[in-house]
N, C-alpha and C. Protein backbone atom coordinates (compact mmCIF):
# COMPACT_ATOMS: atom_id res chain seq x y z
N UNK A 1 -12.60 154.10 15.87
CA UNK A 1 -14.11 154.22 15.64
C UNK A 1 -14.74 153.35 16.81
N UNK A 2 -13.98 152.21 16.96
CA UNK A 2 -14.55 151.40 18.03
C UNK A 2 -14.78 152.14 19.43
N UNK A 3 -13.72 152.73 19.63
CA UNK A 3 -13.83 153.50 20.99
C UNK A 3 -14.97 154.58 21.11
N UNK A 4 -15.41 155.06 19.79
CA UNK A 4 -16.28 156.37 19.91
C UNK A 4 -17.41 155.54 20.33
N UNK A 5 -17.67 154.53 19.65
CA UNK A 5 -18.95 153.67 19.89
C UNK A 5 -19.47 153.71 21.11
N UNK A 6 -18.43 153.17 21.95
CA UNK A 6 -18.85 152.79 23.70
C UNK A 6 -18.76 153.93 24.57
N UNK A 7 -17.84 154.66 24.21
CA UNK A 7 -17.29 155.87 25.20
C UNK A 7 -18.59 157.10 24.62
N UNK A 8 -19.03 157.28 26.17
CA UNK A 8 -20.38 158.13 26.09
C UNK A 8 -19.90 159.48 26.90
N UNK A 9 -19.23 159.19 28.04
CA UNK A 9 -18.77 160.43 28.93
C UNK A 9 -18.10 161.52 28.21
N UNK A 10 -18.27 162.78 28.64
CA UNK A 10 -17.80 163.93 28.16
C UNK A 10 -16.27 163.77 28.24
N UNK A 11 -15.75 163.71 29.33
CA UNK A 11 -14.26 163.64 29.70
C UNK A 11 -13.64 162.57 28.94
N UNK A 12 -14.30 161.37 29.05
CA UNK A 12 -13.69 160.07 28.33
C UNK A 12 -13.77 160.57 26.93
N UNK A 13 -14.72 161.03 26.34
CA UNK A 13 -14.68 161.07 24.91
C UNK A 13 -13.78 162.11 24.37
N UNK A 14 -13.38 163.19 25.14
CA UNK A 14 -12.36 164.12 24.92
C UNK A 14 -10.93 163.29 24.78
N UNK A 15 -10.88 162.38 25.58
CA UNK A 15 -9.59 161.49 25.64
C UNK A 15 -9.64 160.51 24.49
N UNK A 16 -10.76 160.03 24.04
CA UNK A 16 -10.76 159.24 22.76
C UNK A 16 -10.42 159.98 21.48
N UNK A 17 -10.85 161.28 21.50
CA UNK A 17 -10.85 162.12 20.39
C UNK A 17 -9.27 162.37 20.25
N UNK A 18 -8.34 162.48 21.39
CA UNK A 18 -7.27 162.78 21.50
C UNK A 18 -6.49 161.45 20.77
N UNK A 19 -6.84 160.26 21.29
CA UNK A 19 -6.45 159.25 20.57
C UNK A 19 -6.57 159.01 19.08
N UNK A 20 -7.66 159.08 18.70
CA UNK A 20 -8.13 159.31 17.39
C UNK A 20 -7.33 160.33 16.28
N UNK A 21 -7.15 161.53 16.96
CA UNK A 21 -6.55 162.53 16.64
C UNK A 21 -4.86 162.05 16.27
N UNK A 22 -4.37 161.40 17.15
CA UNK A 22 -2.97 161.18 16.94
C UNK A 22 -2.76 159.88 16.20
N UNK A 23 -3.72 158.95 15.99
CA UNK A 23 -3.77 158.06 15.16
C UNK A 23 -4.02 157.98 13.62
N UNK A 24 -5.09 158.94 13.40
CA UNK A 24 -5.74 159.03 12.20
C UNK A 24 -5.55 160.48 11.48
N UNK A 25 -5.55 161.34 12.11
CA UNK A 25 -5.80 162.99 11.51
C UNK A 25 -4.25 163.91 11.77
N UNK A 26 -3.16 163.38 12.54
CA UNK A 26 -2.07 163.95 12.98
C UNK A 26 -1.32 164.91 11.87
N UNK A 27 -1.05 164.50 10.68
CA UNK A 27 -0.36 165.36 9.88
C UNK A 27 -1.28 166.28 9.38
N UNK A 28 -2.44 165.65 8.69
CA UNK A 28 -3.35 166.45 8.01
C UNK A 28 -3.79 167.68 9.03
N UNK A 29 -4.43 167.46 10.33
CA UNK A 29 -4.62 168.40 11.02
C UNK A 29 -3.81 169.43 11.43
N UNK A 30 -2.42 169.14 11.71
CA UNK A 30 -1.18 169.96 11.89
C UNK A 30 -1.35 171.06 10.74
N UNK A 31 -1.22 170.49 9.39
CA UNK A 31 -1.40 171.36 8.27
C UNK A 31 -2.43 172.21 8.24
N UNK A 32 -3.59 171.82 8.58
CA UNK A 32 -5.09 172.52 8.50
C UNK A 32 -4.78 173.81 9.65
N UNK A 33 -4.13 173.40 10.64
CA UNK A 33 -3.98 174.11 12.01
C UNK A 33 -3.10 175.20 11.37
N UNK A 34 -1.85 175.21 10.83
CA UNK A 34 -1.08 176.25 10.12
C UNK A 34 -1.94 176.93 9.44
N UNK A 35 -2.81 176.59 8.45
CA UNK A 35 -3.64 177.30 7.45
C UNK A 35 -4.67 178.04 8.28
N UNK A 36 -5.25 177.52 9.33
CA UNK A 36 -6.19 178.47 9.92
C UNK A 36 -5.52 179.43 10.83
N UNK A 37 -4.31 179.13 11.21
CA UNK A 37 -3.66 180.10 12.04
C UNK A 37 -3.26 181.45 11.55
N UNK A 38 -2.89 181.30 10.02
CA UNK A 38 -2.54 182.25 9.30
C UNK A 38 -4.05 183.38 8.68
N UNK A 39 -4.63 182.28 8.39
CA UNK A 39 -5.94 182.88 7.68
C UNK A 39 -7.15 183.32 8.57
N UNK A 40 -7.22 182.75 9.83
CA UNK A 40 -8.19 183.33 10.67
C UNK A 40 -7.40 183.28 12.12
N UNK A 41 -6.56 184.18 12.23
CA UNK A 41 -5.92 184.40 13.56
C UNK A 41 -7.02 184.56 14.68
N UNK A 42 -7.67 185.34 14.72
CA UNK A 42 -8.77 185.36 15.60
C UNK A 42 -9.89 184.66 15.37
N UNK A 43 -10.72 184.09 16.41
CA UNK A 43 -11.99 183.31 16.26
C UNK A 43 -11.45 181.71 16.09
N UNK A 44 -10.17 181.38 16.36
CA UNK A 44 -9.98 180.05 16.47
C UNK A 44 -8.81 179.67 17.76
N UNK A 45 -9.17 180.71 18.64
CA UNK A 45 -8.38 180.68 19.87
C UNK A 45 -8.51 179.29 20.47
N UNK A 46 -9.63 178.96 20.51
CA UNK A 46 -9.95 177.63 21.33
C UNK A 46 -9.29 176.41 20.95
N UNK A 47 -9.71 176.44 19.46
CA UNK A 47 -9.00 175.23 18.55
C UNK A 47 -7.41 175.33 18.74
N UNK A 48 -6.82 176.43 18.72
CA UNK A 48 -5.57 176.69 18.42
C UNK A 48 -4.95 176.05 19.55
N UNK A 49 -5.69 176.55 20.88
CA UNK A 49 -4.88 176.27 22.25
C UNK A 49 -5.20 174.69 22.41
N UNK A 50 -6.12 174.22 21.97
CA UNK A 50 -6.09 172.53 22.10
C UNK A 50 -5.08 171.84 21.32
N UNK A 51 -5.03 172.35 20.18
CA UNK A 51 -3.85 171.86 19.17
C UNK A 51 -2.61 171.89 19.70
N UNK A 52 -2.25 173.21 20.13
CA UNK A 52 -1.10 173.59 20.64
C UNK A 52 -0.64 172.70 21.72
N UNK A 53 -1.51 172.81 22.76
CA UNK A 53 -1.54 172.06 23.99
C UNK A 53 -0.87 170.56 23.74
N UNK A 54 -1.64 169.92 22.75
CA UNK A 54 -1.29 168.52 22.57
C UNK A 54 -0.34 168.08 21.69
N UNK A 55 0.08 169.24 20.86
CA UNK A 55 1.39 168.78 19.95
C UNK A 55 2.52 168.89 20.62
N UNK A 56 2.59 169.62 21.93
CA UNK A 56 3.55 169.46 22.63
C UNK A 56 3.97 168.48 23.29
N UNK A 57 3.18 167.21 23.38
CA UNK A 57 3.31 166.05 23.75
C UNK A 57 3.35 164.84 22.91
N UNK A 58 2.91 165.27 21.46
CA UNK A 58 2.82 164.04 20.55
C UNK A 58 3.70 164.10 19.71
N UNK A 59 3.91 163.38 18.77
CA UNK A 59 5.02 163.06 17.84
C UNK A 59 5.56 164.26 17.02
N UNK A 60 6.82 164.35 16.73
CA UNK A 60 7.24 165.46 16.08
C UNK A 60 7.46 165.43 14.62
């Protein structure tokens, strides 16, 4: 949350969100992703791509 306060540029903010995603929401978001995948296969393409790309380099 501290990072979010001073990071304002779009590109850097995106990186900050990745860090926060790994630290705070990893397990919950992966479970949510699987739910969204099965229930809303279309219409979450962008989100699915972002999560999928990141999970390849994230903790297993």
